[in-house]
Amino acid sequence: MNRENEDLVFSGEHLRATLLNGDAEKLLITFSFREKGRTDFNPARLSQSAATRGFAQLCIATRRNDWFINPDTMALDKTLKVLGPHYDAVHMLGFSMGGYGAFRFARSARAKFVTAISPQFSIHPDVVPFDPRFHSDAAGYDPKLGDLVTYAKPGLQGVIVADLFRPLDRINAEMITEVFPRIEIARLGFGGHPATALLRRAGKSGVVQSMALHDAPQAAPIIAAHRAARLDDADYMRDLMDRLDKRRGH
């Protein structure tokens, strides 16, 4: 990547936002995903497919698995409020922690569309006491600053990709769509966490990013790609047979 096209538009102790190919007419905002033991910012990487489709890309990185809720959050909000209006359309894309970030910052960025893979509604024990998977990340998490209801973007459109056989991911997705009623859920059986694992094994995960660049993203093409890939996937067939055995009481 040509570093001359890289612009660090926000640099804090906890959050960083790097703009790539900034002269384009549309903007794709991407987010760090959760990585075990994260202690530093991940590097910004340009999506060639986004650039080819005429998108600038803003890579939002967090130093730790804090779900972007930290002392830099409000300052990043202000940066996005200034940056977003410079583009004809703003699209958001994120996986897991990044999917949560996409919904949290959509209003500040004036985003029109979001594509989120296995996102959480919250990680705070008081908000999602039934989902302890990420409570260990919530020590410094302010539930008011991270509240998706408070920071909801009216009219936001797009897709959540979630494994319907992972109850916690399904419940989080349904909670998000209660706040964002124009978001569809692409329910992928045994997709994993994130729910694109099967698509990735089949070499078909590009359909998700392709949808993220559409006006507006739709669930149907993602579901169709998943269905086409699943019968040739040994892990899918194993998981399916295990589920059928449990239903039969074996």
Protein backbone atom coordinates (compact mmCIF):
# COMPACT_ATOMS: atom_id res chain seq x y z
CA MET A 1 0.00 0.00 0.00
CA ASN A 2 1.21 3.49 -0.84
CA ARG A 3 1.67 5.20 2.54
CA GLU A 4 1.17 8.58 0.83
CA ASN A 5 -2.53 7.66 0.70
CA GLU A 6 -2.65 6.97 4.46
CA ASP A 7 -3.85 9.71 6.82
CA LEU A 8 -4.00 9.27 10.59
CA VAL A 9 -7.14 11.33 11.27
CA PHE A 10 -7.44 10.39 14.94
CA SER A 11 -4.69 9.25 17.29
CA GLY A 12 -5.41 8.69 20.96
CA GLU A 13 -4.04 6.56 23.73
CA HIS A 14 -6.83 4.03 23.26
CA LEU A 15 -8.26 4.51 19.76
CA ARG A 16 -6.80 5.24 16.34
CA ALA A 17 -8.49 6.01 13.01
CA THR A 18 -6.55 5.78 9.74
CA LEU A 19 -7.99 7.02 6.45
CA LEU A 20 -6.92 5.23 3.26
CA ASN A 21 -7.68 6.31 -0.31
CA GLY A 22 -9.40 9.31 1.23
CA ASP A 23 -10.23 11.15 -2.02
CA ALA A 24 -12.86 8.59 -3.04
CA GLU A 25 -16.56 9.52 -3.10
CA LYS A 26 -17.86 6.88 -0.66
CA LEU A 27 -16.46 5.71 2.66
CA LEU A 28 -16.21 2.23 4.17
CA ILE A 29 -15.49 2.21 7.91
CA THR A 30 -13.94 -0.98 9.30
CA PHE A 31 -13.14 -1.93 12.89
CA SER A 32 -10.73 -4.07 14.88
CA PHE A 33 -12.10 -7.47 15.78
CA ARG A 34 -11.50 -9.06 19.16
CA GLU A 35 -8.17 -10.86 19.48
CA LYS A 36 -7.14 -12.75 22.59
CA GLY A 37 -4.41 -10.90 24.47
CA ARG A 38 -4.60 -7.74 22.35
CA THR A 39 -2.22 -5.08 23.74
CA ASP A 40 -1.62 -2.80 20.76
CA PHE A 41 -3.21 -1.34 17.63
CA ASN A 42 -3.47 -3.57 14.60
CA PRO A 43 -2.15 -2.02 11.36
CA ALA A 44 -4.52 -0.41 8.88
CA ARG A 45 -5.02 -2.54 5.77
CA LEU A 46 -6.65 -1.30 2.58
CA SER A 47 -9.44 -3.42 1.13
CA GLN A 48 -8.61 -3.65 -2.55
CA SER A 49 -12.20 -4.55 -3.42
CA ALA A 50 -13.42 -1.43 -1.63
CA ALA A 51 -10.87 0.75 -3.41
CA THR A 52 -11.82 -0.79 -6.76
CA ARG A 53 -15.46 0.01 -6.08
CA GLY A 54 -14.61 3.66 -5.43
CA PHE A 55 -14.50 3.65 -1.63
CA ALA A 56 -12.21 5.37 0.79
CA GLN A 57 -11.61 3.29 3.92
CA LEU A 58 -11.40 4.40 7.52
CA CYS A 59 -9.79 1.76 9.75
CA ILE A 60 -10.75 2.21 13.40
CA ALA A 61 -8.43 0.35 15.76
CA THR A 62 -8.50 -0.10 19.51
CA ARG A 63 -5.42 -0.82 21.58
CA ARG A 64 -7.19 -3.38 23.77
CA ASN A 65 -10.34 -5.49 23.72
CA ASP A 66 -12.35 -2.66 25.27
CA TRP A 67 -15.02 -2.63 22.54
CA PHE A 68 -14.09 0.95 21.62
CA ILE A 69 -15.58 2.30 24.87
CA ASN A 70 -12.81 4.19 26.66
CA PRO A 71 -11.59 7.76 27.33
CA ASP A 72 -11.14 8.33 23.56
CA THR A 73 -14.68 7.35 22.55
CA MET A 74 -16.24 10.81 22.61
CA ALA A 75 -13.28 12.38 20.80
CA LEU A 76 -13.59 9.77 18.05
CA ASP A 77 -17.32 10.56 17.84
CA LYS A 78 -16.41 14.18 17.14
CA THR A 79 -13.92 13.19 14.44
CA LEU A 80 -16.49 11.01 12.70
CA LYS A 81 -19.08 13.80 12.81
CA VAL A 82 -16.66 16.00 10.88
CA LEU A 83 -15.43 13.31 8.46
CA GLY A 84 -18.69 11.56 7.52
CA PRO A 85 -20.40 14.45 5.69
CA HIS A 86 -17.49 14.67 3.22
CA TYR A 87 -18.69 11.44 1.55
CA ASP A 88 -21.73 10.66 -0.56
CA ALA A 89 -22.42 7.54 1.51
CA VAL A 90 -20.88 5.88 4.55
CA HIS A 91 -20.90 2.08 4.98
CA MET A 92 -19.83 0.20 8.13
CA LEU A 93 -18.32 -3.30 8.33
CA GLY A 94 -17.27 -5.20 11.45
CA PHE A 95 -16.82 -8.66 12.95
CA SER A 96 -17.86 -9.49 16.54
CA MET A 97 -16.38 -6.61 18.59
CA GLY A 98 -16.07 -4.68 15.34
CA GLY A 99 -19.70 -5.37 14.53
CA TYR A 100 -20.70 -3.80 17.82
CA GLY A 101 -18.47 -0.83 16.99
CA ALA A 102 -20.19 -0.41 13.63
CA PHE A 103 -23.56 0.08 15.33
CA ARG A 104 -22.16 2.26 18.12
CA PHE A 105 -20.49 4.76 15.75
CA ALA A 106 -22.98 4.69 12.86
CA ARG A 107 -24.79 7.82 14.05
CA SER A 108 -21.61 9.86 14.54
CA ALA A 109 -20.38 8.90 11.05
CA ARG A 110 -23.81 9.52 9.48
CA ALA A 111 -23.68 6.00 8.08
CA LYS A 112 -26.43 4.72 5.80
CA PHE A 113 -25.53 1.04 5.81
CA VAL A 114 -23.96 -1.53 8.11
CA THR A 115 -22.83 -5.14 7.69
CA ALA A 116 -22.03 -6.81 11.01
CA ILE A 117 -20.91 -10.38 11.58
CA SER A 118 -21.84 -11.94 14.94
CA PRO A 119 -22.05 -8.60 16.79
CA GLN A 120 -22.92 -8.13 20.45
CA PHE A 121 -25.60 -5.79 21.79
CA SER A 122 -23.43 -5.08 24.84
CA ILE A 123 -20.77 -6.76 26.97
CA HIS A 124 -21.79 -5.27 30.32
CA PRO A 125 -23.02 -7.84 32.89
CA ASP A 126 -25.95 -5.62 33.87
CA VAL A 127 -27.14 -5.39 30.25
CA VAL A 128 -26.47 -8.94 29.05
CA PRO A 129 -26.25 -11.03 32.24
CA PHE A 130 -27.19 -14.12 30.19
CA ASP A 131 -24.08 -13.77 27.98
CA PRO A 132 -20.88 -14.05 30.05
CA ARG A 133 -18.53 -14.63 27.11
CA PHE A 134 -17.05 -11.13 27.11
CA HIS A 135 -17.68 -9.96 30.68
CA SER A 136 -13.93 -10.17 31.24
CA ASP A 137 -13.52 -7.26 28.77
CA ALA A 138 -16.02 -5.05 30.60
CA ALA A 139 -13.90 -3.80 33.51
CA GLY A 140 -13.65 -0.27 32.09
CA TYR A 141 -16.72 -0.42 29.87
CA ASP A 142 -19.21 2.40 30.51
CA PRO A 143 -22.68 0.97 29.70
CA LYS A 144 -24.11 4.45 29.16
CA LEU A 145 -21.39 5.46 26.71
CA GLY A 146 -21.72 2.12 24.95
CA ASP A 147 -25.52 1.97 24.91
CA LEU A 148 -26.76 1.21 21.40
CA VAL A 149 -30.22 2.58 22.21
CA THR A 150 -28.80 5.97 23.17
CA TYR A 151 -26.54 6.14 20.12
CA ALA A 152 -28.90 4.50 17.61
CA LYS A 153 -28.81 5.83 14.04
CA PRO A 154 -32.40 6.25 12.78
CA GLY A 155 -33.06 4.55 9.46
CA LEU A 156 -29.84 2.55 9.43
CA GLN A 157 -30.06 -0.29 6.91
CA GLY A 158 -28.06 -3.45 6.40
CA VAL A 159 -27.40 -6.99 7.54
CA ILE A 160 -26.33 -8.90 10.62
CA VAL A 161 -24.77 -12.28 9.83
CA ALA A 162 -25.27 -14.73 12.69
CA ASP A 163 -25.23 -18.48 13.31
CA LEU A 164 -28.82 -19.37 14.22
CA PHE A 165 -27.59 -22.42 16.18
CA ARG A 166 -25.51 -20.23 18.51
CA PRO A 167 -28.21 -18.97 20.88
CA LEU A 168 -26.16 -16.14 22.37
CA ASP A 169 -25.22 -14.75 18.97
CA ARG A 170 -28.82 -15.09 17.80
CA ILE A 171 -30.19 -13.30 20.87
CA ASN A 172 -27.69 -10.45 20.55
CA ALA A 173 -28.62 -10.07 16.87
CA GLU A 174 -32.32 -9.97 17.70
CA MET A 175 -31.73 -7.37 20.43
CA ILE A 176 -29.90 -5.18 17.92
CA THR A 177 -32.69 -5.44 15.35
CA GLU A 178 -35.19 -4.27 17.97
CA VAL A 179 -33.24 -1.00 18.08
CA PHE A 180 -32.43 -0.95 14.35
CA PRO A 181 -35.62 -2.30 12.71
CA ARG A 182 -34.36 -1.92 9.13
CA ILE A 183 -31.51 -4.39 9.73
CA GLU A 184 -32.00 -7.92 8.35
CA ILE A 185 -30.53 -11.02 9.94
CA ALA A 186 -28.79 -13.52 7.65
CA ARG A 187 -29.21 -16.67 9.72
CA LEU A 188 -26.42 -19.11 8.81
CA GLY A 189 -26.66 -22.57 10.33
CA PHE A 190 -23.38 -23.75 11.88
CA GLY A 191 -21.55 -20.73 10.51
CA GLY A 192 -19.55 -20.43 13.73
CA HIS A 193 -18.34 -17.33 15.55
CA PRO A 194 -17.89 -15.27 13.59
CA ALA A 195 -20.68 -16.71 11.46
CA THR A 196 -18.67 -16.56 8.24
CA ALA A 197 -16.35 -19.41 9.23
CA LEU A 198 -17.99 -21.89 6.85
CA LEU A 199 -17.96 -19.36 4.01
CA ARG A 200 -14.30 -18.69 4.68
CA ARG A 201 -13.43 -22.40 4.50
CA ALA A 202 -15.23 -22.57 1.16
CA GLY A 203 -13.41 -19.51 -0.19
CA LYS A 204 -16.74 -17.62 -0.40
CA SER A 205 -16.36 -15.05 2.38
CA GLY A 206 -15.96 -12.30 -0.21
CA VAL A 207 -19.75 -12.27 -0.61
CA VAL A 208 -20.02 -10.56 2.79
CA GLN A 209 -17.65 -7.75 1.91
CA SER A 210 -19.33 -7.43 -1.48
CA MET A 211 -22.67 -6.95 0.27
CA ALA A 212 -21.09 -4.43 2.64
CA LEU A 213 -20.34 -2.23 -0.38
CA HIS A 214 -23.88 -2.41 -1.77
CA ASP A 215 -26.65 0.18 -1.46
CA ALA A 216 -28.16 -1.46 0.56
CA PRO A 217 -26.66 -4.73 1.86
CA GLN A 218 -29.05 -7.69 1.73
CA ALA A 219 -29.19 -11.01 3.56
CA ALA A 220 -30.32 -13.20 0.64
CA PRO A 221 -27.02 -13.40 -1.32
CA ILE A 222 -25.11 -14.28 1.87
CA ILE A 223 -27.60 -16.99 2.79
CA ALA A 224 -27.48 -18.39 -0.76
CA ALA A 225 -23.67 -18.57 -0.71
CA HIS A 226 -23.76 -20.33 2.66
CA ARG A 227 -26.30 -22.88 1.41
CA ALA A 228 -24.25 -23.59 -1.69
CA ALA A 229 -21.11 -24.20 0.37
CA ARG A 230 -22.47 -26.20 3.29
CA LEU A 231 -23.00 -29.63 1.71
CA ASP A 232 -19.35 -29.85 0.69
CA ASP A 233 -18.16 -28.87 4.17
CA ALA A 234 -17.19 -31.72 6.51
CA ASP A 235 -17.46 -29.58 9.65
CA TYR A 236 -20.98 -28.50 8.71
CA MET A 237 -22.10 -32.09 8.10
CA ARG A 238 -20.59 -33.22 11.40
CA ASP A 239 -22.32 -30.44 13.31
CA LEU A 240 -25.60 -31.18 11.56
CA MET A 241 -25.44 -34.89 12.39
CA ASP A 242 -24.54 -34.11 16.01
CA ARG A 243 -27.57 -31.86 16.29
CA LEU A 244 -29.86 -34.45 14.75
CA ASP A 245 -28.54 -37.11 17.13
CA LYS A 246 -29.25 -34.86 20.13
CA ARG A 247 -32.79 -34.22 18.91
CA ARG A 248 -33.33 -37.96 18.62
CA GLY A 249 -32.01 -38.44 22.13
CA HIS A 250 -28.90 -40.42 21.08
